PDB file of N, CA and C in Angstrom:
ATOM      1  N   MET A   1      -0.505   1.858  21.840  1.00  0.00           N
ATOM      2  CA  MET A   1      -0.742   0.411  20.700  1.00  0.00           C
ATOM      3  C   MET A   1      -1.852   0.418  20.070  1.00  0.00           C
ATOM      4  N   ASN A   2      -2.040   1.500  19.003  1.00  0.00           N
ATOM      5  CA  ASN A   2      -2.667   1.817  18.224  1.00  0.00           C
ATOM      6  C   ASN A   2      -2.865   0.500  16.793  1.00  0.00           C
ATOM      7  N   SER A   3      -4.483   0.165  16.866  1.00  0.00           N
ATOM      8  CA  SER A   3      -5.009  -0.390  16.058  1.00  0.00           C
ATOM      9  C   SER A   3      -5.602   0.062  15.259  1.00  0.00           C
ATOM     10  N   LEU A   4      -5.693  -0.138  13.643  1.00  0.00           N
ATOM     11  CA  LEU A   4      -5.907   0.294  12.986  1.00  0.00           C
ATOM     12  C   LEU A   4      -5.966  -0.338  11.650  1.00  0.00           C
ATOM     13  N   ILE A   5      -7.237   0.037  10.368  1.00  0.00           N
ATOM     14  CA  ILE A   5      -7.050  -0.593   9.387  1.00  0.00           C
ATOM     15  C   ILE A   5      -6.691   0.330   8.732  1.00  0.00           C
ATOM     16  N   GLY A   6      -5.851   0.002   7.612  1.00  0.00           N
ATOM     17  CA  GLY A   6      -5.260   0.745   6.298  1.00  0.00           C
ATOM     18  C   GLY A   6      -5.442   0.183   5.106  1.00  0.00           C
ATOM     19  N   ARG A   7      -5.886   1.771   4.571  1.00  0.00           N
ATOM     20  CA  ARG A   7      -6.137   0.631   2.790  1.00  0.00           C
ATOM     21  C   ARG A   7      -5.038   1.403   1.602  1.00  0.00           C
ATOM     22  N   ARG A   8      -4.705   0.804   1.131  1.00  0.00           N
ATOM     23  CA  ARG A   8      -4.049   1.216   0.072  1.00  0.00           C
ATOM     24  C   ARG A   8      -4.495   1.741  -1.457  1.00  0.00           C
ATOM     25  N   LYS A   9      -4.221   2.578  -2.064  1.00  0.00           N
ATOM     26  CA  LYS A   9      -4.769   2.760  -3.519  1.00  0.00           C
ATOM     27  C   LYS A   9      -3.705   2.900  -4.130  1.00  0.00           C
ATOM     28  N   GLU A  10      -3.459   1.942  -4.901  1.00  0.00           N
ATOM     29  CA  GLU A  10      -2.446   2.374  -6.227  1.00  0.00           C
ATOM     30  C   GLU A  10      -2.881   2.899  -7.652  1.00  0.00           C
ATOM     31  N   ALA A  11      -2.678   3.773  -8.126  1.00  0.00           N
ATOM     32  CA  ALA A  11      -2.844   4.166  -9.616  1.00  0.00           C
ATOM     33  C   ALA A  11      -2.662   3.716 -10.712  1.00  0.00           C
ATOM     34  N   ARG A  12      -0.839   3.253 -10.861  1.00  0.00           N
ATOM     35  CA  ARG A  12      -0.745   2.485 -11.705  1.00  0.00           C
ATOM     36  C   ARG A  12      -0.178   1.018 -11.656  1.00  0.00           C
ATOM     37  N   ILE A  13      -0.618  -0.148 -10.740  1.00  0.00           N
ATOM     38  CA  ILE A  13       0.028  -1.466 -10.365  1.00  0.00           C
ATOM     39  C   ILE A  13       1.292  -1.301 -11.235  1.00  0.00           C
ATOM     40  N   ALA A  14       0.623  -1.820 -12.502  1.00  0.00           N
ATOM     41  CA  ALA A  14       2.321  -2.323 -12.886  1.00  0.00           C
ATOM     42  C   ALA A  14       3.663  -1.205 -12.980  1.00  0.00           C
ATOM     43  N   SER A  15       3.608  -0.390 -13.449  1.00  0.00           N
ATOM     44  CA  SER A  15       4.594   0.689 -12.698  1.00  0.00           C
ATOM     45  C   SER A  15       5.057   1.132 -11.914  1.00  0.00           C
ATOM     46  N   CYS A  16       4.284   0.832 -10.349  1.00  0.00           N
ATOM     47  CA  CYS A  16       4.029   1.242  -9.715  1.00  0.00           C
ATOM     48  C   CYS A  16       4.156   2.592  -8.910  1.00  0.00           C
ATOM     49  N   THR A  17       3.685   3.794  -9.710  1.00  0.00           N
ATOM     50  CA  THR A  17       3.882   5.016  -9.909  1.00  0.00           C
ATOM     51  C   THR A  17       2.249   5.338  -9.000  1.00  0.00           C
ATOM     52  N   GLU A  18       2.172   6.630  -8.299  1.00  0.00           N
ATOM     53  CA  GLU A  18       0.880   6.544  -7.457  1.00  0.00           C
ATOM     54  C   GLU A  18       1.091   8.344  -7.459  1.00  0.00           C
ATOM     55  N   ALA A  19       0.227   8.789  -8.256  1.00  0.00           N
ATOM     56  CA  ALA A  19       0.206   9.941  -8.453  1.00  0.00           C
ATOM     57  C   ALA A  19      -0.348  11.329  -7.227  1.00  0.00           C
ATOM     58  N   TRP A  20      -1.103  10.434  -6.419  1.00  0.00           N
ATOM     59  CA  TRP A  20      -2.202  11.255  -5.417  1.00  0.00           C
ATOM     60  C   TRP A  20      -1.333  10.991  -4.236  1.00  0.00           C
ATOM     61  N   LEU A  21      -0.783   9.895  -3.665  1.00  0.00           N
ATOM     62  CA  LEU A  21      -0.434   9.720  -2.185  1.00  0.00           C
ATOM     63  C   LEU A  21       1.183   9.745  -2.498  1.00  0.00           C
ATOM     64  N   ASP A  22       1.632  10.088  -1.240  1.00  0.00           N
ATOM     65  CA  ASP A  22       2.846   9.988  -0.754  1.00  0.00           C
ATOM     66  C   ASP A  22       3.210   8.972  -0.012  1.00  0.00           C
ATOM     67  N   TYR A  23       3.806   7.906  -0.509  1.00  0.00           N
ATOM     68  CA  TYR A  23       3.955   6.937   0.650  1.00  0.00           C
ATOM     69  C   TYR A  23       4.954   6.728   1.501  1.00  0.00           C
ATOM     70  N   ASP A  24       5.753   7.600   1.225  1.00  0.00           N
ATOM     71  CA  ASP A  24       6.768   7.588   1.949  1.00  0.00           C
ATOM     72  C   ASP A  24       6.770   8.102   3.318  1.00  0.00           C
ATOM     73  N   ARG A  25       5.881   9.543   3.132  1.00  0.00           N
ATOM     74  CA  ARG A  25       5.041  10.022   4.091  1.00  0.00           C
ATOM     75  C   ARG A  25       4.272   9.506   4.709  1.00  0.00           C
ATOM     76  N   ILE A  26       3.513   8.278   4.006  1.00  0.00           N
ATOM     77  CA  ILE A  26       2.123   7.966   5.129  1.00  0.00           C
ATOM     78  C   ILE A  26       3.088   6.980   5.648  1.00  0.00           C
ATOM     79  N   MET A  27       3.872   6.194   5.362  1.00  0.00           N
ATOM     80  CA  MET A  27       4.636   5.065   6.088  1.00  0.00           C
ATOM     81  C   MET A  27       5.198   6.099   7.569  1.00  0.00           C
ATOM     82  N   GLU A  28       5.987   7.171   7.158  1.00  0.00           N
ATOM     83  CA  GLU A  28       6.415   7.896   8.490  1.00  0.00           C
ATOM     84  C   GLU A  28       5.742   7.758   9.427  1.00  0.00           C
ATOM     85  N   ILE A  29       4.482   8.499   9.357  1.00  0.00           N
ATOM     86  CA  ILE A  29       3.031   8.315  10.093  1.00  0.00           C
ATOM     87  C   ILE A  29       2.221   7.435  10.467  1.00  0.00           C
ATOM     88  N   ILE A  30       2.453   6.599   9.851  1.00  0.00           N
ATOM     89  CA  ILE A  30       1.853   5.387  10.448  1.00  0.00           C
ATOM     90  C   ILE A  30       3.036   4.549  11.465  1.00  0.00           C
ATOM     91  N   LYS A  31       4.458   4.758  10.691  1.00  0.00           N
ATOM     92  CA  LYS A  31       5.122   4.216  12.060  1.00  0.00           C
ATOM     93  C   LYS A  31       5.065   5.389  13.144  1.00  0.00           C
ATOM     94  N   SER A  32       4.586   6.553  13.017  1.00  0.00           N
ATOM     95  CA  SER A  32       5.127   7.576  14.499  1.00  0.00           C
ATOM     96  C   SER A  32       4.013   7.372  14.788  1.00  0.00           C
ATOM     97  N   VAL A  33       2.305   7.032  15.027  1.00  0.00           N
ATOM     98  CA  VAL A  33       1.502   6.406  15.856  1.00  0.00           C
ATOM     99  C   VAL A  33       1.629   5.211  16.406  1.00  0.00           C
ATOM    100  N   GLY A  34       2.659   3.844  16.256  1.00  0.00           N
ATOM    101  CA  GLY A  34       2.265   2.855  16.479  1.00  0.00           C
ATOM    102  C   GLY A  34       1.747   1.752  15.569  1.00  0.00           C
ATOM    103  N   PHE A  35       0.903   2.305  14.545  1.00  0.00           N
ATOM    104  CA  PHE A  35       0.006   1.279  14.090  1.00  0.00           C
ATOM    105  C   PHE A  35       0.746  -0.219  13.694  1.00  0.00           C
ATOM    106  N   ASN A  36      -0.958  -1.030  14.005  1.00  0.00           N
ATOM    107  CA  ASN A  36      -0.008  -2.204  14.358  1.00  0.00           C
ATOM    108  C   ASN A  36      -1.586  -3.183  13.700  1.00  0.00           C
ATOM    109  N   GLY A  37      -1.885  -2.681  12.649  1.00  0.00           N
ATOM    110  CA  GLY A  37      -3.536  -3.439  12.015  1.00  0.00           C
ATOM    111  C   GLY A  37      -3.377  -3.791  11.130  1.00  0.00           C
ATOM    112  N   TRP A  38      -4.558  -4.180  10.134  1.00  0.00           N
ATOM    113  CA  TRP A  38      -4.743  -4.546   8.817  1.00  0.00           C
ATOM    114  C   TRP A  38      -4.167  -3.956   7.585  1.00  0.00           C
ATOM    115  N   MET A  39      -3.840  -4.120   6.687  1.00  0.00           N
ATOM    116  CA  MET A  39      -3.571  -3.173   5.499  1.00  0.00           C
ATOM    117  C   MET A  39      -4.643  -3.869   4.558  1.00  0.00           C
ATOM    118  N   SER A  40      -5.447  -3.690   3.594  1.00  0.00           N
ATOM    119  CA  SER A  40      -6.020  -4.421   2.576  1.00  0.00           C
ATOM    120  C   SER A  40      -5.719  -3.907   1.042  1.00  0.00           C
ATOM    121  N   VAL A  41      -5.193  -4.628  -0.189  1.00  0.00           N
ATOM    122  CA  VAL A  41      -5.657  -4.191  -1.279  1.00  0.00           C
ATOM    123  C   VAL A  41      -7.071  -4.492  -1.938  1.00  0.00           C
ATOM    124  N   VAL A  42      -7.254  -3.353  -2.564  1.00  0.00           N
ATOM    125  CA  VAL A  42      -8.308  -3.385  -3.394  1.00  0.00           C
ATOM    126  C   VAL A  42      -8.410  -3.307  -4.961  1.00  0.00           C
ATOM    127  N   PHE A  43      -8.519  -4.170  -5.934  1.00  0.00           N
ATOM    128  CA  PHE A  43      -8.355  -3.988  -6.975  1.00  0.00           C
ATOM    129  C   PHE A  43      -9.639  -3.452  -7.591  1.00  0.00           C
ATOM    130  N   GLU A  44      -9.791  -2.179  -8.131  1.00  0.00           N
ATOM    131  CA  GLU A  44     -10.821  -1.396  -9.072  1.00  0.00           C
ATOM    132  C   GLU A  44     -10.841  -1.695 -10.142  1.00  0.00           C
ATOM    133  N   GLY A  45      -9.920  -2.321 -10.712  1.00  0.00           N
ATOM    134  CA  GLY A  45     -10.262  -2.634 -12.234  1.00  0.00           C
ATOM    135  C   GLY A  45      -9.561  -1.318 -13.178  1.00  0.00           C
ATOM    136  N   GLN A  46      -9.275  -0.470 -12.514  1.00  0.00           N
ATOM    137  CA  GLN A  46      -8.743   0.436 -13.417  1.00  0.00           C
ATOM    138  C   GLN A  46      -7.126   1.289 -13.791  1.00  0.00           C
ATOM    139  N   ASP A  47      -6.543  -0.244 -13.533  1.00  0.00           N
ATOM    140  CA  ASP A  47      -4.924  -0.356 -14.240  1.00  0.00           C
ATOM    141  C   ASP A  47      -5.233  -0.957 -15.313  1.00  0.00           C
ATOM    142  N   GLU A  48      -4.119  -1.323 -16.097  1.00  0.00           N
ATOM    143  CA  GLU A  48      -3.747  -1.963 -16.827  1.00  0.00           C
ATOM    144  C   GLU A  48      -3.286  -3.413 -17.177  1.00  0.00           C
ATOM    145  N   LEU A  49      -3.894  -4.202 -15.909  1.00  0.00           N
ATOM    146  CA  LEU A  49      -3.670  -5.337 -16.002  1.00  0.00           C
ATOM    147  C   LEU A  49      -4.715  -5.940 -14.825  1.00  0.00           C
ATOM    148  N   ASP A  50      -4.671  -7.218 -15.039  1.00  0.00           N
ATOM    149  CA  ASP A  50      -5.633  -7.716 -14.633  1.00  0.00           C
ATOM    150  C   ASP A  50      -6.111  -8.465 -13.301  1.00  0.00           C
ATOM    151  N   GLU A  51      -6.690  -7.797 -12.529  1.00  0.00           N
ATOM    152  CA  GLU A  51      -7.103  -8.794 -11.127  1.00  0.00           C
ATOM    153  C   GLU A  51      -5.840  -9.662 -10.616  1.00  0.00           C
ATOM    154  N   PRO A  52      -5.648 -11.191 -11.359  1.00  0.00           N
ATOM    155  CA  PRO A  52      -5.075 -12.070 -10.674  1.00  0.00           C
ATOM    156  C   PRO A  52      -3.417 -11.535 -10.740  1.00  0.00           C
ATOM    157  N   THR A  53      -3.067 -10.348 -12.064  1.00  0.00           N
ATOM    158  CA  THR A  53      -1.674 -10.195 -11.601  1.00  0.00           C
ATOM    159  C   THR A  53      -1.847  -8.773 -10.932  1.00  0.00           C
ATOM    160  N   ALA A  54      -2.804  -8.331 -10.590  1.00  0.00           N
ATOM    161  CA  ALA A  54      -2.183  -6.604 -10.250  1.00  0.00           C
ATOM    162  C   ALA A  54      -2.575  -7.088  -8.961  1.00  0.00           C
ATOM    163  N   VAL A  55      -2.976  -7.400  -8.370  1.00  0.00           N
ATOM    164  CA  VAL A  55      -3.235  -7.593  -6.719  1.00  0.00           C
ATOM    165  C   VAL A  55      -1.808  -8.220  -6.139  1.00  0.00           C
ATOM    166  N   PRO A  56      -1.276  -9.180  -6.745  1.00  0.00           N
ATOM    167  CA  PRO A  56       0.144  -9.087  -6.053  1.00  0.00           C
ATOM    168  C   PRO A  56       1.110  -8.245  -6.249  1.00  0.00           C
ATOM    169  N   LEU A  57       0.690  -7.911  -7.175  1.00  0.00           N
ATOM    170  CA  LEU A  57       2.013  -6.664  -7.211  1.00  0.00           C
ATOM    171  C   LEU A  57       2.017  -5.596  -6.555  1.00  0.00           C
ATOM    172  N   ALA A  58       0.159  -4.982  -6.069  1.00  0.00           N
ATOM    173  CA  ALA A  58      -0.111  -4.595  -5.151  1.00  0.00           C
ATOM    174  C   ALA A  58       1.098  -4.511  -3.888  1.00  0.00           C
ATOM    175  N   ALA A  59      -0.102  -6.174  -3.355  1.00  0.00           N
ATOM    176  CA  ALA A  59       0.312  -6.280  -2.387  1.00  0.00           C
ATOM    177  C   ALA A  59       1.951  -6.695  -2.051  1.00  0.00           C
ATOM    178  N   GLU A  60       2.897  -6.802  -2.877  1.00  0.00           N
ATOM    179  CA  GLU A  60       4.598  -6.730  -2.854  1.00  0.00           C
ATOM    180  C   GLU A  60       5.047  -5.391  -2.904  1.00  0.00           C
ATOM    181  N   PHE A  61       4.133  -4.599  -3.602  1.00  0.00           N
ATOM    182  CA  PHE A  61       5.051  -2.950  -2.976  1.00  0.00           C
ATOM    183  C   PHE A  61       4.750  -2.371  -1.672  1.00  0.00           C
ATOM    184  N   LEU A  62       3.095  -2.334  -1.001  1.00  0.00           N
ATOM    185  CA  LEU A  62       3.344  -2.665  -0.007  1.00  0.00           C
ATOM    186  C   LEU A  62       3.688  -2.749   1.069  1.00  0.00           C
ATOM    187  N   ARG A  63       4.280  -4.602   0.844  1.00  0.00           N
ATOM    188  CA  ARG A  63       5.220  -5.223   1.997  1.00  0.00           C
ATOM    189  C   ARG A  63       6.100  -4.695   1.708  1.00  0.00           C
ATOM    190  N   SER A  64       6.863  -4.016   0.625  1.00  0.00           N
ATOM    191  CA  SER A  64       8.709  -3.176   0.549  1.00  0.00           C
ATOM    192  C   SER A  64       8.085  -2.440   1.148  1.00  0.00           C
ATOM    193  N   LYS A  65       7.052  -1.846   0.979  1.00  0.00           N
ATOM    194  CA  LYS A  65       7.135  -0.128   1.838  1.00  0.00           C
ATOM    195  C   LYS A  65       7.356  -0.231   3.589  1.00  0.00           C
ATOM    196  N   LEU A  66       6.551  -1.688   4.120  1.00  0.00           N
ATOM    197  CA  LEU A  66       6.381  -1.181   5.586  1.00  0.00           C
ATOM    198  C   LEU A  66       7.281  -1.956   5.615  1.00  0.00           C
ATOM    199  N   ASN A  67       8.386  -2.756   5.125  1.00  0.00           N
ATOM    200  CA  ASN A  67       9.395  -3.733   5.378  1.00  0.00           C
ATOM    201  C   ASN A  67      10.595  -2.217   5.417  1.00  0.00           C
ATOM    202  N   GLU A  68      10.546  -1.163   4.342  1.00  0.00           N
ATOM    203  CA  GLU A  68      11.548  -0.256   3.990  1.00  0.00           C
ATOM    204  C   GLU A  68      11.467   0.769   5.665  1.00  0.00           C
ATOM    205  N   TYR A  69      10.196   0.779   6.452  1.00  0.00           N
ATOM    206  CA  TYR A  69      10.552   1.507   7.190  1.00  0.00           C
ATOM    207  C   TYR A  69       9.937   0.688   8.336  1.00  0.00           C
ATOM    208  N   GLY A  70      10.670  -0.635   8.097  1.00  0.00           N
ATOM    209  CA  GLY A  70       9.852  -1.451   9.777  1.00  0.00           C
ATOM    210  C   GLY A  70       9.066  -1.701  10.393  1.00  0.00           C
ATOM    211  N   LEU A  71       8.127  -2.098   9.598  1.00  0.00           N
ATOM    212  CA  LEU A  71       6.751  -1.849   9.979  1.00  0.00           C
ATOM    213  C   LEU A  71       5.906  -2.858   9.977  1.00  0.00           C
TER     214      LEU A  71
END
């Protein structure tokens, strides 16, 4: 059982688009290694949304990807 800390970076939260990271590939990798650690959302203020709006959207996106891959 692997315990790691994951960090998700979202380029544009409002549109849920990511220019640099392939989340489908990442989810396959963390599932294959038995990931069971914490993940966090970090707001860097570079999105078109403010923090109170952006963070819940980013968390929802992350949860949906985790659910999609049975994590």
